[in-house]
Amino acid sequence: MTMSERPTGDETLGGISERETLTRIFPRLPRASAALVGPGDDAAVLRAPDERYVVTTDMMVHGPDFRWAWSSPYDLGWKAAATNLSDVAAMGAVPTALVVAIAAPTATPVSHLLAFADGLRDACVALAPGCGVVGGDLSVSDTFTIAVTAFGDLEGRAPVLRSGARVGDVVAVSGDLGLAATGLRLLFERAVDAAGEPSRERFEDVLREHPEAVTAQLRPRPPIGDGPLAAVAGATAMLDLSDGLALDARRIADASGAAVDIDPTVLVAGRPDIALADGEVIAALTGGEDHSLLATFPPDVELPGGFRAIGRVVAGSGLLVAGRAFDERGGWDPYVGWNGGTG
């Protein structure tokens, strides 16, 4: 299914039962290798060989989190899985299972939920093989709402927290910086009609002209496998870059009682000549939703996987860029949107 496809069909959720809807959805969902009891009972049962497990949850609501003019049901399934898998990986764990709840208007085509399930399945297969959907819930709402809970296996390792960074550690990132935020900016600037409302027709033009940035926003591909690799390598702190490098790096600094100093000349991979004032670097600092992994490592550790060094942990507090305090507001806050806007 291409990003531009929108499933259609005469049947709606209000026209068939919950049982019939689930009967059609279950065969499309990925199976979890950790499941002892999967969908069908009151609750699932999962193996926990480590005697501990990682758990996280996230919501996506039509309006603040996605727009139907820009996202297909398949896109939403993919993104709902990817964003939660990334949080599990950021703890150094291997994703094992998802629980998915959806509240939708009764006029929603059944085919939308089937395409959503396909997106969940394909994201799990591509990003976290062995992770599957073990349960969830369906309900009715005037606003399409998705809630996903993800579980992960630490495989006997201690979890990697935000609070473990030490002075002298290398700050490193795996994944893109600023690309998803660029895609979102393009959508809000160019994929809207004269009244500022999301436009399907203009979305197609933006997607055609900027496929990489738009795809990074609608179907992120976080480096899930690099989370456990970082833990094995001895990462001292780690988190998922969902809210932007500046905001999330400051979170590691605050939790660890130190400062994070970012080198702007290496922020954009392959472009060491870009100056801090350039928009591409500012986007890398203040953009969000790349769902890359930000981690700190002891200075003598060889960086694993796709991690690349972008700075150091130093004495002090907060976020520094080239040794100077960086106070520019950026990233995502659900109560105020992007950079103080209403996105």
Protein backbone atom coordinates (compact mmCIF):
# COMPACT_ATOMS: atom_id res chain seq x y z
CA MET A 1 0.00 0.00 0.00
CA THR A 2 1.36 3.40 -0.94
CA MET A 3 1.26 6.32 1.44
CA SER A 4 -1.42 8.02 -0.63
CA GLU A 5 -3.91 5.15 -0.58
CA ARG A 6 -7.05 5.57 1.51
CA PRO A 7 -9.05 2.36 2.02
CA THR A 8 -12.70 2.74 1.17
CA GLY A 9 -15.68 0.48 1.61
CA ASP A 10 -19.43 0.47 2.20
CA GLU A 11 -19.29 -1.33 5.54
CA THR A 12 -18.84 0.85 8.60
CA LEU A 13 -18.15 0.06 12.23
CA GLY A 14 -21.73 0.99 13.05
CA GLY A 15 -22.99 -1.60 10.60
CA ILE A 16 -21.30 -4.69 12.04
CA SER A 17 -20.61 -6.00 15.52
CA GLU A 18 -17.41 -5.65 17.55
CA ARG A 19 -17.01 -9.43 17.38
CA GLU A 20 -17.20 -9.42 13.59
CA THR A 21 -14.73 -6.53 13.38
CA LEU A 22 -12.23 -8.34 15.59
CA THR A 23 -12.69 -11.54 13.61
CA ARG A 24 -11.45 -9.67 10.56
CA ILE A 25 -8.66 -7.80 12.36
CA PHE A 26 -7.01 -10.65 14.31
CA PRO A 27 -5.71 -12.58 11.26
CA ARG A 28 -3.92 -9.45 10.04
CA LEU A 29 -2.06 -8.72 13.30
CA PRO A 30 1.51 -9.85 13.97
CA ARG A 31 1.93 -12.68 16.47
CA ALA A 32 4.20 -12.10 19.45
CA SER A 33 6.86 -14.73 20.02
CA ALA A 34 6.70 -13.97 23.78
CA ALA A 35 2.96 -14.67 24.01
CA LEU A 36 1.80 -17.72 25.92
CA VAL A 37 -1.84 -16.63 25.59
CA GLY A 38 -2.73 -14.16 22.86
CA PRO A 39 -5.93 -12.34 21.85
CA GLY A 40 -9.21 -14.02 22.73
CA ASP A 41 -9.21 -14.22 26.53
CA ASP A 42 -9.71 -11.45 29.07
CA ALA A 43 -5.97 -10.80 29.07
CA ALA A 44 -2.82 -11.98 27.35
CA VAL A 45 -0.04 -13.92 29.07
CA LEU A 46 3.59 -13.15 28.16
CA ARG A 47 6.87 -14.83 28.94
CA ALA A 48 9.15 -12.72 31.15
CA PRO A 49 12.43 -14.66 31.22
CA ASP A 50 14.23 -11.75 32.88
CA GLU A 51 11.58 -11.53 35.64
CA ARG A 52 11.30 -7.85 34.70
CA TYR A 53 9.75 -6.15 31.72
CA VAL A 54 9.64 -2.69 30.21
CA VAL A 55 6.23 -1.13 29.58
CA THR A 56 5.24 2.14 27.91
CA THR A 57 2.10 3.67 26.44
CA ASP A 58 1.27 6.41 23.95
CA MET A 59 -1.81 7.98 22.37
CA MET A 60 -2.61 9.39 18.94
CA VAL A 61 -5.70 11.60 18.63
CA HIS A 62 -7.16 12.99 15.43
CA GLY A 63 -6.48 16.73 15.40
CA PRO A 64 -3.43 17.30 17.59
CA ASP A 65 -1.56 14.15 16.53
CA PHE A 66 -2.65 13.38 12.96
CA ARG A 67 -4.92 14.60 10.18
CA TRP A 68 -6.84 12.29 7.84
CA ALA A 69 -5.97 14.53 4.90
CA TRP A 70 -2.31 13.65 5.43
CA SER A 71 -2.28 10.19 7.06
CA SER A 72 -3.77 6.96 5.78
CA PRO A 73 -5.00 4.28 8.21
CA TYR A 74 -1.94 2.25 7.21
CA ASP A 75 0.33 5.19 8.10
CA LEU A 76 -1.32 5.43 11.51
CA GLY A 77 -0.84 1.74 12.22
CA TRP A 78 2.83 1.99 11.26
CA LYS A 79 3.46 5.13 13.32
CA ALA A 80 1.51 3.86 16.35
CA ALA A 81 3.77 0.81 16.44
CA ALA A 82 7.03 2.62 15.64
CA THR A 83 6.68 5.31 18.30
CA ASN A 84 6.06 2.78 21.05
CA LEU A 85 8.74 0.37 19.88
CA SER A 86 11.21 3.25 20.05
CA ASP A 87 10.40 3.96 23.69
CA VAL A 88 11.04 0.31 24.58
CA ALA A 89 14.34 0.33 22.68
CA ALA A 90 15.39 3.52 24.49
CA MET A 91 15.42 1.52 27.74
CA GLY A 92 17.80 -0.98 26.16
CA ALA A 93 15.06 -3.59 25.85
CA VAL A 94 13.87 -5.79 22.99
CA PRO A 95 10.20 -5.11 22.09
CA THR A 96 8.04 -8.19 22.65
CA ALA A 97 4.36 -7.24 22.49
CA LEU A 98 1.81 -4.49 21.85
CA VAL A 99 -1.70 -3.93 23.23
CA VAL A 100 -3.78 -1.66 21.00
CA ALA A 101 -7.01 0.19 21.78
CA ILE A 102 -9.00 2.21 19.23
CA ALA A 103 -12.01 4.47 19.74
CA ALA A 104 -13.61 5.44 16.42
CA PRO A 105 -16.78 7.04 15.05
CA THR A 106 -19.40 4.47 14.01
CA ALA A 107 -19.23 5.80 10.44
CA THR A 108 -15.59 4.69 10.14
CA PRO A 109 -15.18 2.15 7.32
CA VAL A 110 -14.20 -1.30 8.56
CA SER A 111 -11.52 -1.27 5.87
CA HIS A 112 -9.79 1.55 7.76
CA LEU A 113 -9.24 -0.70 10.77
CA LEU A 114 -8.00 -3.50 8.55
CA ALA A 115 -5.47 -1.17 6.91
CA PHE A 116 -4.46 0.10 10.36
CA ALA A 117 -3.80 -3.51 11.40
CA ASP A 118 -1.68 -4.00 8.27
CA GLY A 119 0.41 -0.97 9.24
CA LEU A 120 0.92 -2.36 12.74
CA ARG A 121 1.98 -5.70 11.32
CA ASP A 122 4.40 -4.32 8.76
CA ALA A 123 6.06 -1.96 11.26
CA CYS A 124 6.61 -4.79 13.73
CA VAL A 125 8.02 -7.07 11.04
CA ALA A 126 10.33 -4.37 9.69
CA LEU A 127 11.46 -2.78 12.95
CA ALA A 128 11.10 -5.40 15.70
CA PRO A 129 10.75 -8.96 14.38
CA GLY A 130 9.09 -11.20 16.94
CA CYS A 131 7.03 -8.39 18.44
CA GLY A 132 3.28 -8.78 17.95
CA VAL A 133 -0.14 -7.60 19.06
CA VAL A 134 -1.49 -9.61 22.02
CA GLY A 135 -4.73 -7.77 22.77
CA GLY A 136 -6.55 -4.47 23.00
CA ASP A 137 -9.99 -2.93 22.84
CA LEU A 138 -12.44 -1.29 20.47
CA SER A 139 -14.79 1.51 21.46
CA VAL A 140 -16.83 4.37 20.00
CA SER A 141 -15.89 8.05 19.99
CA ASP A 142 -16.62 11.11 17.90
CA THR A 143 -12.83 11.55 17.64
CA PHE A 144 -10.63 8.77 16.24
CA THR A 145 -8.26 7.87 19.07
CA ILE A 146 -5.47 5.28 19.25
CA ALA A 147 -3.76 4.04 22.43
CA VAL A 148 -0.87 1.59 22.28
CA THR A 149 0.94 -0.09 25.16
CA ALA A 150 4.26 -1.77 24.39
CA PHE A 151 6.26 -4.31 26.38
CA GLY A 152 9.95 -5.20 26.21
CA ASP A 153 12.45 -7.77 27.47
CA LEU A 154 15.66 -6.55 29.13
CA GLU A 155 17.32 -9.93 28.51
CA GLY A 156 19.02 -9.87 31.90
CA ARG A 157 20.49 -6.37 31.54
CA ALA A 158 19.82 -3.38 33.74
CA PRO A 159 17.57 -0.80 32.07
CA VAL A 160 19.31 2.24 30.58
CA LEU A 161 17.84 5.30 32.30
CA ARG A 162 18.07 9.01 31.55
CA SER A 163 19.89 9.65 34.80
CA GLY A 164 23.16 7.78 34.28
CA ALA A 165 25.20 10.17 32.15
CA ARG A 166 28.61 11.07 33.63
CA VAL A 167 30.99 13.94 32.99
CA GLY A 168 33.32 12.89 30.16
CA ASP A 169 30.80 10.61 28.45
CA VAL A 170 30.34 10.82 24.70
CA VAL A 171 26.90 11.97 23.53
CA ALA A 172 25.77 10.03 20.46
CA VAL A 173 22.70 9.67 18.27
CA SER A 174 21.42 6.89 16.04
CA GLY A 175 18.97 7.96 13.36
CA ASP A 176 17.90 11.19 11.70
CA LEU A 177 17.78 14.63 13.27
CA GLY A 178 15.22 17.18 12.11
CA LEU A 179 13.91 15.31 9.08
CA ALA A 180 10.47 14.48 10.52
CA ALA A 181 10.06 18.05 11.78
CA THR A 182 10.92 19.32 8.32
CA GLY A 183 8.19 17.07 6.93
CA LEU A 184 5.68 18.41 9.45
CA ARG A 185 6.61 22.01 8.66
CA LEU A 186 6.12 21.36 4.95
CA LEU A 187 2.69 19.87 5.63
CA PHE A 188 1.51 22.82 7.70
CA GLU A 189 2.97 25.36 5.27
CA ARG A 190 2.08 23.80 1.93
CA ALA A 191 -0.44 20.97 2.38
CA VAL A 192 -3.27 23.26 3.46
CA ASP A 193 -6.00 25.14 1.64
CA ALA A 194 -6.59 28.90 1.61
CA ALA A 195 -8.30 28.68 5.01
CA GLY A 196 -5.35 26.83 6.52
CA GLU A 197 -7.14 23.48 6.70
CA PRO A 198 -5.30 20.27 5.72
CA SER A 199 -5.77 19.57 2.02
CA ARG A 200 -5.59 16.12 0.48
CA GLU A 201 -4.82 17.49 -2.98
CA ARG A 202 -1.99 19.70 -1.79
CA PHE A 203 -0.66 16.90 0.38
CA GLU A 204 -0.10 14.81 -2.73
CA ASP A 205 2.00 17.61 -4.23
CA VAL A 206 4.13 17.96 -1.07
CA LEU A 207 4.63 14.19 -0.86
CA ARG A 208 5.72 14.05 -4.49
CA GLU A 209 8.20 16.92 -4.07
CA HIS A 210 9.56 15.96 -0.60
CA PRO A 211 9.01 12.22 -0.15
CA GLU A 212 11.85 11.66 2.32
CA ALA A 213 10.81 14.34 4.81
CA VAL A 214 7.07 13.61 4.60
CA THR A 215 7.63 9.87 4.95
CA ALA A 216 9.89 10.46 7.98
CA GLN A 217 6.98 12.27 9.64
CA LEU A 218 4.18 9.85 8.73
CA ARG A 219 6.05 6.53 8.80
CA PRO A 220 9.13 6.92 11.03
CA ARG A 221 11.76 4.17 11.00
CA PRO A 222 13.45 4.37 14.41
CA PRO A 223 16.62 2.30 14.86
CA ILE A 224 15.00 -0.16 17.27
CA GLY A 225 17.84 -2.69 17.17
CA ASP A 226 20.36 -0.07 18.27
CA GLY A 227 18.69 0.25 21.68
CA PRO A 228 19.73 -3.20 22.94
CA LEU A 229 23.11 -2.79 21.19
CA ALA A 230 23.70 0.42 23.14
CA ALA A 231 22.85 -1.32 26.40
CA VAL A 232 25.24 -4.17 25.66
CA ALA A 233 27.98 -1.65 24.78
CA GLY A 234 27.62 0.07 28.15
CA ALA A 235 25.43 3.11 27.44
CA THR A 236 25.09 5.16 30.62
CA ALA A 237 21.90 7.03 29.62
CA MET A 238 19.48 6.88 26.70
CA LEU A 239 16.12 8.14 25.50
CA ASP A 240 13.93 8.30 22.42
CA LEU A 241 14.12 11.59 20.49
CA SER A 242 10.39 12.14 20.19
CA ASP A 243 10.29 15.75 21.33
CA GLY A 244 13.44 17.16 19.71
CA LEU A 245 17.18 17.00 20.40
CA ALA A 246 17.37 20.22 22.43
CA LEU A 247 14.47 19.30 24.70
CA ASP A 248 15.44 15.66 25.14
CA ALA A 249 19.17 16.29 25.61
CA ARG A 250 18.24 18.74 28.34
CA ARG A 251 16.20 15.97 29.98
CA ILE A 252 19.27 13.72 30.15
CA ALA A 253 21.32 16.62 31.51
CA ASP A 254 18.77 17.48 34.20
CA ALA A 255 18.23 13.85 35.25
CA SER A 256 21.98 13.22 35.41
CA GLY A 257 22.99 16.40 37.21
CA ALA A 258 25.36 17.48 34.44
CA ALA A 259 25.39 19.45 31.19
CA VAL A 260 25.21 18.18 27.62
CA ASP A 261 27.40 20.06 25.15
CA ILE A 262 26.44 19.53 21.49
CA ASP A 263 28.89 20.08 18.63
CA PRO A 264 26.86 21.77 15.86
CA THR A 265 29.42 20.95 13.17
CA VAL A 266 28.58 17.24 13.31
CA LEU A 267 24.83 17.41 13.88
CA VAL A 268 23.86 16.84 10.26
CA ALA A 269 25.42 13.60 9.06
CA GLY A 270 27.76 14.13 6.12
CA ARG A 271 27.64 17.94 6.38
CA PRO A 272 30.41 19.06 8.77
CA ASP A 273 30.58 22.45 7.06
CA ILE A 274 27.11 23.67 8.06
CA ALA A 275 27.11 26.63 10.44
CA LEU A 276 24.90 26.79 13.54
CA ALA A 277 22.83 29.60 12.07
CA ASP A 278 21.74 27.45 9.14
CA GLY A 279 18.14 26.28 9.27
CA GLU A 280 19.10 22.63 8.82
CA VAL A 281 21.05 22.58 12.08
CA ILE A 282 18.38 24.52 13.95
CA ALA A 283 15.86 21.93 12.73
CA ALA A 284 18.15 19.18 14.00
CA LEU A 285 18.21 20.83 17.43
CA THR A 286 14.60 21.88 17.82
CA GLY A 287 12.68 19.46 15.62
CA GLY A 288 11.01 16.35 16.98
CA GLU A 289 9.34 13.06 16.06
CA ASP A 290 12.38 11.52 14.38
CA HIS A 291 12.26 8.85 17.12
CA SER A 292 16.00 8.46 16.87
CA LEU A 293 17.94 7.29 19.92
CA LEU A 294 20.08 9.68 21.99
CA ALA A 295 22.59 7.99 24.31
CA THR A 296 25.71 8.64 26.33
CA PHE A 297 28.68 6.27 26.45
CA PRO A 298 31.94 6.08 28.40
CA PRO A 299 34.71 7.73 26.35
CA ASP A 300 36.57 4.46 25.75
CA VAL A 301 33.55 2.61 24.28
CA GLU A 302 33.34 1.92 20.55
CA LEU A 303 29.98 3.29 19.47
CA PRO A 304 27.66 0.44 18.42
CA GLY A 305 25.31 0.11 15.46
CA GLY A 306 24.43 3.37 13.76
CA PHE A 307 25.42 5.66 16.65
CA ARG A 308 27.58 8.69 15.83
CA ALA A 309 29.13 11.15 18.29
CA ILE A 310 27.57 14.63 18.49
CA GLY A 311 28.89 15.98 21.78
CA ARG A 312 30.07 15.43 25.35
CA VAL A 313 28.73 15.38 28.88
CA VAL A 314 30.41 18.18 30.82
CA ALA A 315 30.22 19.70 34.29
CA GLY A 316 27.40 22.17 34.77
CA SER A 317 23.72 22.04 33.96
CA GLY A 318 21.34 22.23 31.02
CA LEU A 319 22.11 22.20 27.32
CA LEU A 320 25.12 23.79 25.67
CA VAL A 321 25.85 24.15 21.97
CA ALA A 322 29.53 24.73 21.17
CA GLY A 323 30.07 25.52 24.85
CA ARG A 324 27.36 28.18 25.08
CA ALA A 325 23.97 27.87 26.75
CA PHE A 326 21.25 27.03 24.25
CA ASP A 327 17.93 28.33 25.53
CA GLU A 328 15.92 28.47 22.32
CA ARG A 329 12.59 26.78 22.85
CA GLY A 330 11.92 23.87 20.58
CA GLY A 331 10.41 20.44 20.28
CA TRP A 332 6.92 19.23 21.04
CA ASP A 333 4.73 19.95 24.04
CA PRO A 334 1.20 18.47 23.77
CA TYR A 335 -0.32 21.50 25.50
CA VAL A 336 1.27 24.18 23.34
CA GLY A 337 2.26 22.36 20.14
CA TRP A 338 5.46 22.89 18.15
CA ASN A 339 7.68 25.82 19.14
CA GLY A 340 4.81 27.52 20.88
CA GLY A 341 2.49 27.11 17.88
CA THR A 342 -0.75 25.21 17.54
CA GLY A 343 0.50 22.28 15.46
